[in-house]
Amino acid sequence: MVIRAHFDGKTLVLDEPVDLPVNEPLEFEFRAVDTRAERRKRAREAWRSFTANPIAGLSISDESLRRENLYEDRL
């Protein structure tokens, strides 16, 4: 079982509720989470959701998305 938690400087704080028997002896193995990997995973999930649920009727031309047109007020 993987349980997400963080250390607040004094104790481990669980990030989600867990269903464990009371007074059950447990053994823990601690491993730091690679936050960059987590961010990449969330970004991929967000992109999949975005592309799977397009906004109906939205149409932006390729010309409108050209750098010169997006930033013309800064030139």
PDB file of N, CA and C in Angstrom:
ATOM      1  N   MET A   1       0.854  -1.173   0.000  1.00  0.00           N
ATOM      2  CA  MET A   1       0.000   0.000   0.000  1.00  0.00           C
ATOM      3  C   MET A   1       0.902   1.239   0.000  1.00  0.00           C
ATOM      4  N   VAL A   2       0.567   2.214  -0.811  1.00  0.00           N
ATOM      5  CA  VAL A   2       1.300   3.474  -0.848  1.00  0.00           C
ATOM      6  C   VAL A   2       0.431   4.531  -0.182  1.00  0.00           C
ATOM      7  N   ILE A   3       0.992   5.212   0.786  1.00  0.00           N
ATOM      8  CA  ILE A   3       0.268   6.263   1.505  1.00  0.00           C
ATOM      9  C   ILE A   3       1.062   7.549   1.352  1.00  0.00           C
ATOM     10  N   ARG A   4       0.436   8.575   0.829  1.00  0.00           N
ATOM     11  CA  ARG A   4       1.088   9.876   0.667  1.00  0.00           C
ATOM     12  C   ARG A   4       1.057  10.611   2.010  1.00  0.00           C
ATOM     13  N   ALA A   5       2.186  11.226   2.343  1.00  0.00           N
ATOM     14  CA  ALA A   5       2.297  11.991   3.583  1.00  0.00           C
ATOM     15  C   ALA A   5       3.364  13.054   3.403  1.00  0.00           C
ATOM     16  N   HIS A   6       3.426  13.959   4.345  1.00  0.00           N
ATOM     17  CA  HIS A   6       4.501  14.949   4.355  1.00  0.00           C
ATOM     18  C   HIS A   6       4.961  15.141   5.796  1.00  0.00           C
ATOM     19  N   PHE A   7       6.159  15.663   5.949  1.00  0.00           N
ATOM     20  CA  PHE A   7       6.756  15.884   7.254  1.00  0.00           C
ATOM     21  C   PHE A   7       6.630  17.360   7.590  1.00  0.00           C
ATOM     22  N   ASP A   8       5.993  17.691   8.704  1.00  0.00           N
ATOM     23  CA  ASP A   8       5.771  19.095   9.064  1.00  0.00           C
ATOM     24  C   ASP A   8       6.865  19.673   9.956  1.00  0.00           C
ATOM     25  N   GLY A   9       7.960  18.929  10.104  1.00  0.00           N
ATOM     26  CA  GLY A   9       9.051  19.377  10.955  1.00  0.00           C
ATOM     27  C   GLY A   9       9.084  18.649  12.282  1.00  0.00           C
ATOM     28  N   LYS A  10       7.943  18.053  12.663  1.00  0.00           N
ATOM     29  CA  LYS A  10       7.850  17.300  13.907  1.00  0.00           C
ATOM     30  C   LYS A  10       7.323  15.888  13.679  1.00  0.00           C
ATOM     31  N   THR A  11       6.283  15.787  12.912  1.00  0.00           N
ATOM     32  CA  THR A  11       5.626  14.492  12.714  1.00  0.00           C
ATOM     33  C   THR A  11       5.285  14.277  11.247  1.00  0.00           C
ATOM     34  N   LEU A  12       4.989  13.027  10.910  1.00  0.00           N
ATOM     35  CA  LEU A  12       4.473  12.714   9.579  1.00  0.00           C
ATOM     36  C   LEU A  12       2.979  12.991   9.577  1.00  0.00           C
ATOM     37  N   VAL A  13       2.513  13.668   8.551  1.00  0.00           N
ATOM     38  CA  VAL A  13       1.100  14.000   8.422  1.00  0.00           C
ATOM     39  C   VAL A  13       0.578  13.330   7.168  1.00  0.00           C
ATOM     40  N   LEU A  14      -0.432  12.478   7.314  1.00  0.00           N
ATOM     41  CA  LEU A  14      -1.006  11.796   6.163  1.00  0.00           C
ATOM     42  C   LEU A  14      -1.760  12.792   5.301  1.00  0.00           C
ATOM     43  N   ASP A  15      -1.629  12.649   3.989  1.00  0.00           N
ATOM     44  CA  ASP A  15      -2.297  13.548   3.059  1.00  0.00           C
ATOM     45  C   ASP A  15      -3.696  13.082   2.688  1.00  0.00           C
ATOM     46  N   GLU A  16      -4.044  11.891   3.098  1.00  0.00           N
ATOM     47  CA  GLU A  16      -5.364  11.338   2.781  1.00  0.00           C
ATOM     48  C   GLU A  16      -5.742  10.338   3.865  1.00  0.00           C
ATOM     49  N   PRO A  17      -7.040  10.094   4.061  1.00  0.00           N
ATOM     50  CA  PRO A  17      -7.453   9.109   5.063  1.00  0.00           C
ATOM     51  C   PRO A  17      -7.024   7.699   4.654  1.00  0.00           C
ATOM     52  N   VAL A  18      -6.742   6.873   5.639  1.00  0.00           N
ATOM     53  CA  VAL A  18      -6.357   5.488   5.373  1.00  0.00           C
ATOM     54  C   VAL A  18      -7.220   4.549   6.208  1.00  0.00           C
ATOM     55  N   ASP A  19      -7.431   3.359   5.687  1.00  0.00           N
ATOM     56  CA  ASP A  19      -8.233   2.352   6.373  1.00  0.00           C
ATOM     57  C   ASP A  19      -7.289   1.264   6.878  1.00  0.00           C
ATOM     58  N   LEU A  20      -6.817   1.439   8.117  1.00  0.00           N
ATOM     59  CA  LEU A  20      -5.895   0.484   8.718  1.00  0.00           C
ATOM     60  C   LEU A  20      -6.471  -0.004  10.044  1.00  0.00           C
ATOM     61  N   PRO A  21      -6.211  -1.258  10.398  1.00  0.00           N
ATOM     62  CA  PRO A  21      -6.686  -1.761  11.681  1.00  0.00           C
ATOM     63  C   PRO A  21      -5.983  -1.050  12.848  1.00  0.00           C
ATOM     64  N   VAL A  22      -6.730  -0.789  13.903  1.00  0.00           N
ATOM     65  CA  VAL A  22      -6.186  -0.132  15.091  1.00  0.00           C
ATOM     66  C   VAL A  22      -5.192  -1.066  15.780  1.00  0.00           C
ATOM     67  N   ASN A  23      -4.083  -0.509  16.220  1.00  0.00           N
ATOM     68  CA  ASN A  23      -3.032  -1.237  16.946  1.00  0.00           C
ATOM     69  C   ASN A  23      -2.351  -2.326  16.124  1.00  0.00           C
ATOM     70  N   GLU A  24      -2.477  -2.278  14.829  1.00  0.00           N
ATOM     71  CA  GLU A  24      -1.813  -3.240  13.958  1.00  0.00           C
ATOM     72  C   GLU A  24      -0.343  -2.831  13.808  1.00  0.00           C
ATOM     73  N   PRO A  25       0.596  -3.729  14.084  1.00  0.00           N
ATOM     74  CA  PRO A  25       2.010  -3.378  13.872  1.00  0.00           C
ATOM     75  C   PRO A  25       2.257  -3.136  12.375  1.00  0.00           C
ATOM     76  N   LEU A  26       2.980  -2.079  12.081  1.00  0.00           N
ATOM     77  CA  LEU A  26       3.260  -1.704  10.693  1.00  0.00           C
ATOM     78  C   LEU A  26       4.748  -1.471  10.511  1.00  0.00           C
ATOM     79  N   GLU A  27       5.196  -1.606   9.296  1.00  0.00           N
ATOM     80  CA  GLU A  27       6.574  -1.314   8.942  1.00  0.00           C
ATOM     81  C   GLU A  27       6.539  -0.297   7.806  1.00  0.00           C
ATOM     82  N   PHE A  28       7.343   0.747   7.912  1.00  0.00           N
ATOM     83  CA  PHE A  28       7.340   1.807   6.906  1.00  0.00           C
ATOM     84  C   PHE A  28       8.663   1.853   6.157  1.00  0.00           C
ATOM     85  N   GLU A  29       8.565   2.231   4.896  1.00  0.00           N
ATOM     86  CA  GLU A  29       9.735   2.526   4.085  1.00  0.00           C
ATOM     87  C   GLU A  29       9.511   3.914   3.506  1.00  0.00           C
ATOM     88  N   PHE A  30      10.406   4.843   3.763  1.00  0.00           N
ATOM     89  CA  PHE A  30      10.230   6.215   3.318  1.00  0.00           C
ATOM     90  C   PHE A  30      11.008   6.470   2.034  1.00  0.00           C
ATOM     91  N   ARG A  31      10.373   7.183   1.131  1.00  0.00           N
ATOM     92  CA  ARG A  31      10.979   7.531  -0.148  1.00  0.00           C
ATOM     93  C   ARG A  31      10.470   8.923  -0.530  1.00  0.00           C
ATOM     94  N   ALA A  32      11.375   9.811  -0.836  1.00  0.00           N
ATOM     95  CA  ALA A  32      10.975  11.159  -1.259  1.00  0.00           C
ATOM     96  C   ALA A  32      10.350  11.087  -2.642  1.00  0.00           C
ATOM     97  N   VAL A  33       9.326  11.882  -2.858  1.00  0.00           N
ATOM     98  CA  VAL A  33       8.629  11.923  -4.143  1.00  0.00           C
ATOM     99  C   VAL A  33       9.358  12.898  -5.063  1.00  0.00           C
ATOM    100  N   ASP A  34       9.593  12.488  -6.292  1.00  0.00           N
ATOM    101  CA  ASP A  34      10.204  13.374  -7.288  1.00  0.00           C
ATOM    102  C   ASP A  34       9.129  14.363  -7.746  1.00  0.00           C
ATOM    103  N   THR A  35       9.176  15.568  -7.237  1.00  0.00           N
ATOM    104  CA  THR A  35       8.125  16.540  -7.529  1.00  0.00           C
ATOM    105  C   THR A  35       8.086  16.920  -9.001  1.00  0.00           C
ATOM    106  N   ARG A  36       9.240  16.915  -9.683  1.00  0.00           N
ATOM    107  CA  ARG A  36       9.223  17.219 -11.122  1.00  0.00           C
ATOM    108  C   ARG A  36       8.438  16.162 -11.877  1.00  0.00           C
ATOM    109  N   ALA A  37       8.614  14.902 -11.504  1.00  0.00           N
ATOM    110  CA  ALA A  37       7.872  13.824 -12.160  1.00  0.00           C
ATOM    111  C   ALA A  37       6.385  13.966 -11.884  1.00  0.00           C
ATOM    112  N   GLU A  38       6.046  14.331 -10.662  1.00  0.00           N
ATOM    113  CA  GLU A  38       4.640  14.532 -10.318  1.00  0.00           C
ATOM    114  C   GLU A  38       4.039  15.686 -11.133  1.00  0.00           C
ATOM    115  N   ARG A  39       4.796  16.774 -11.277  1.00  0.00           N
ATOM    116  CA  ARG A  39       4.289  17.905 -12.062  1.00  0.00           C
ATOM    117  C   ARG A  39       4.114  17.534 -13.521  1.00  0.00           C
ATOM    118  N   ARG A  40       5.082  16.767 -14.066  1.00  0.00           N
ATOM    119  CA  ARG A  40       4.950  16.324 -15.458  1.00  0.00           C
ATOM    120  C   ARG A  40       3.729  15.431 -15.620  1.00  0.00           C
ATOM    121  N   LYS A  41       3.498  14.552 -14.668  1.00  0.00           N
ATOM    122  CA  LYS A  41       2.342  13.660 -14.728  1.00  0.00           C
ATOM    123  C   LYS A  41       1.041  14.465 -14.705  1.00  0.00           C
ATOM    124  N   ARG A  42       0.948  15.445 -13.799  1.00  0.00           N
ATOM    125  CA  ARG A  42      -0.268  16.269 -13.742  1.00  0.00           C
ATOM    126  C   ARG A  42      -0.449  17.082 -15.019  1.00  0.00           C
ATOM    127  N   ALA A  43       0.656  17.574 -15.581  1.00  0.00           N
ATOM    128  CA  ALA A  43       0.574  18.345 -16.822  1.00  0.00           C
ATOM    129  C   ALA A  43       0.079  17.473 -17.970  1.00  0.00           C
ATOM    130  N   ARG A  44       0.590  16.234 -18.052  1.00  0.00           N
ATOM    131  CA  ARG A  44       0.119  15.314 -19.101  1.00  0.00           C
ATOM    132  C   ARG A  44      -1.363  15.009 -18.939  1.00  0.00           C
ATOM    133  N   GLU A  45      -1.800  14.791 -17.689  1.00  0.00           N
ATOM    134  CA  GLU A  45      -3.217  14.524 -17.430  1.00  0.00           C
ATOM    135  C   GLU A  45      -4.077  15.727 -17.798  1.00  0.00           C
ATOM    136  N   ALA A  46      -3.609  16.927 -17.470  1.00  0.00           N
ATOM    137  CA  ALA A  46      -4.353  18.144 -17.814  1.00  0.00           C
ATOM    138  C   ALA A  46      -4.441  18.307 -19.326  1.00  0.00           C
ATOM    139  N   TRP A  47      -3.339  18.032 -20.034  1.00  0.00           N
ATOM    140  CA  TRP A  47      -3.341  18.145 -21.496  1.00  0.00           C
ATOM    141  C   TRP A  47      -4.298  17.137 -22.111  1.00  0.00           C
ATOM    142  N   ARG A  48      -4.285  15.903 -21.616  1.00  0.00           N
ATOM    143  CA  ARG A  48      -5.219  14.886 -22.126  1.00  0.00           C
ATOM    144  C   ARG A  48      -6.665  15.322 -21.916  1.00  0.00           C
ATOM    145  N   SER A  49      -6.955  15.857 -20.736  1.00  0.00           N
ATOM    146  CA  SER A  49      -8.304  16.330 -20.445  1.00  0.00           C
ATOM    147  C   SER A  49      -8.682  17.496 -21.362  1.00  0.00           C
ATOM    148  N   PHE A  50      -7.745  18.404 -21.547  1.00  0.00           N
ATOM    149  CA  PHE A  50      -7.987  19.576 -22.397  1.00  0.00           C
ATOM    150  C   PHE A  50      -8.273  19.162 -23.834  1.00  0.00           C
ATOM    151  N   THR A  51      -7.460  18.254 -24.375  1.00  0.00           N
ATOM    152  CA  THR A  51      -7.649  17.852 -25.766  1.00  0.00           C
ATOM    153  C   THR A  51      -8.849  16.922 -25.941  1.00  0.00           C
ATOM    154  N   ALA A  52      -9.236  16.213 -24.893  1.00  0.00           N
ATOM    155  CA  ALA A  52     -10.387  15.306 -24.976  1.00  0.00           C
ATOM    156  C   ALA A  52     -11.716  16.058 -24.861  1.00  0.00           C
ATOM    157  N   ASN A  53     -11.683  17.274 -24.306  1.00  0.00           N
ATOM    158  CA  ASN A  53     -12.910  18.045 -24.088  1.00  0.00           C
ATOM    159  C   ASN A  53     -12.777  19.436 -24.689  1.00  0.00           C
ATOM    160  N   PRO A  54     -12.743  19.532 -26.025  1.00  0.00           N
ATOM    161  CA  PRO A  54     -12.574  20.844 -26.646  1.00  0.00           C
ATOM    162  C   PRO A  54     -13.788  21.748 -26.397  1.00  0.00           C
ATOM    163  N   ILE A  55     -13.553  23.038 -26.464  1.00  0.00           N
ATOM    164  CA  ILE A  55     -14.633  24.001 -26.290  1.00  0.00           C
ATOM    165  C   ILE A  55     -15.418  24.061 -27.588  1.00  0.00           C
ATOM    166  N   ALA A  56     -16.701  23.756 -27.504  1.00  0.00           N
ATOM    167  CA  ALA A  56     -17.553  23.716 -28.691  1.00  0.00           C
ATOM    168  C   ALA A  56     -17.601  25.080 -29.372  1.00  0.00           C
ATOM    169  N   GLY A  57     -17.396  25.094 -30.675  1.00  0.00           N
ATOM    170  CA  GLY A  57     -17.504  26.311 -31.463  1.00  0.00           C
ATOM    171  C   GLY A  57     -16.273  27.199 -31.441  1.00  0.00           C
ATOM    172  N   LEU A  58     -15.259  26.850 -30.663  1.00  0.00           N
ATOM    173  CA  LEU A  58     -14.049  27.668 -30.601  1.00  0.00           C
ATOM    174  C   LEU A  58     -13.189  27.400 -31.828  1.00  0.00           C
ATOM    175  N   SER A  59     -12.804  28.461 -32.492  1.00  0.00           N
ATOM    176  CA  SER A  59     -11.962  28.321 -33.668  1.00  0.00           C
ATOM    177  C   SER A  59     -10.972  29.474 -33.701  1.00  0.00           C
ATOM    178  N   ILE A  60      -9.704  29.155 -33.577  1.00  0.00           N
ATOM    179  CA  ILE A  60      -8.649  30.159 -33.642  1.00  0.00           C
ATOM    180  C   ILE A  60      -7.781  29.822 -34.843  1.00  0.00           C
ATOM    181  N   SER A  61      -7.633  30.778 -35.731  1.00  0.00           N
ATOM    182  CA  SER A  61      -6.869  30.520 -36.948  1.00  0.00           C
ATOM    183  C   SER A  61      -5.377  30.406 -36.644  1.00  0.00           C
ATOM    184  N   ASP A  62      -4.669  29.690 -37.509  1.00  0.00           N
ATOM    185  CA  ASP A  62      -3.220  29.571 -37.367  1.00  0.00           C
ATOM    186  C   ASP A  62      -2.555  30.946 -37.436  1.00  0.00           C
ATOM    187  N   GLU A  63      -3.085  31.811 -38.270  1.00  0.00           N
ATOM    188  CA  GLU A  63      -2.523  33.155 -38.422  1.00  0.00           C
ATOM    189  C   GLU A  63      -2.614  33.924 -37.100  1.00  0.00           C
ATOM    190  N   SER A  64      -3.709  33.765 -36.386  1.00  0.00           N
ATOM    191  CA  SER A  64      -3.872  34.454 -35.106  1.00  0.00           C
ATOM    192  C   SER A  64      -2.866  33.984 -34.070  1.00  0.00           C
ATOM    193  N   LEU A  65      -2.409  32.756 -34.202  1.00  0.00           N
ATOM    194  CA  LEU A  65      -1.482  32.188 -33.228  1.00  0.00           C
ATOM    195  C   LEU A  65      -0.010  32.432 -33.559  1.00  0.00           C
ATOM    196  N   ARG A  66       0.253  33.103 -34.641  1.00  0.00           N
ATOM    197  CA  ARG A  66       1.651  33.413 -34.987  1.00  0.00           C
ATOM    198  C   ARG A  66       2.225  34.380 -33.962  1.00  0.00           C
ATOM    199  N   ARG A  67       3.485  34.189 -33.632  1.00  0.00           N
ATOM    200  CA  ARG A  67       4.146  35.012 -32.613  1.00  0.00           C
ATOM    201  C   ARG A  67       3.995  36.501 -32.898  1.00  0.00           C
ATOM    202  N   GLU A  68       4.147  36.884 -34.153  1.00  0.00           N
ATOM    203  CA  GLU A  68       4.065  38.301 -34.511  1.00  0.00           C
ATOM    204  C   GLU A  68       2.693  38.876 -34.155  1.00  0.00           C
ATOM    205  N   ASN A  69       1.670  38.081 -34.285  1.00  0.00           N
ATOM    206  CA  ASN A  69       0.326  38.578 -33.993  1.00  0.00           C
ATOM    207  C   ASN A  69       0.015  38.528 -32.492  1.00  0.00           C
ATOM    208  N   LEU A  70       0.563  37.581 -31.783  1.00  0.00           N
ATOM    209  CA  LEU A  70       0.323  37.484 -30.339  1.00  0.00           C
ATOM    210  C   LEU A  70       1.005  38.611 -29.577  1.00  0.00           C
ATOM    211  N   TYR A  71       2.200  39.012 -30.043  1.00  0.00           N
ATOM    212  CA  TYR A  71       2.985  39.994 -29.308  1.00  0.00           C
ATOM    213  C   TYR A  71       3.209  41.294 -30.086  1.00  0.00           C
ATOM    214  N   GLU A  72       2.323  41.586 -31.044  1.00  0.00           N
ATOM    215  CA  GLU A  72       2.571  42.761 -31.878  1.00  0.00           C
ATOM    216  C   GLU A  72       2.570  44.056 -31.093  1.00  0.00           C
ATOM    217  N   ASP A  73       1.848  44.101 -29.961  1.00  0.00           N
ATOM    218  CA  ASP A  73       1.849  45.333 -29.156  1.00  0.00           C
ATOM    219  C   ASP A  73       3.164  45.554 -28.438  1.00  0.00           C
ATOM    220  N   ARG A  74       4.046  44.532 -28.370  1.00  0.00           N
ATOM    221  CA  ARG A  74       5.332  44.658 -27.702  1.00  0.00           C
ATOM    222  C   ARG A  74       6.464  45.002 -28.671  1.00  0.00           C
ATOM    223  N   LEU A  75       6.172  44.985 -29.955  1.00  0.00           N
ATOM    224  CA  LEU A  75       7.225  45.267 -30.944  1.00  0.00           C
ATOM    225  C   LEU A  75       7.502  46.745 -31.050  1.00  0.00           C
TER     226      LEU A  75
END
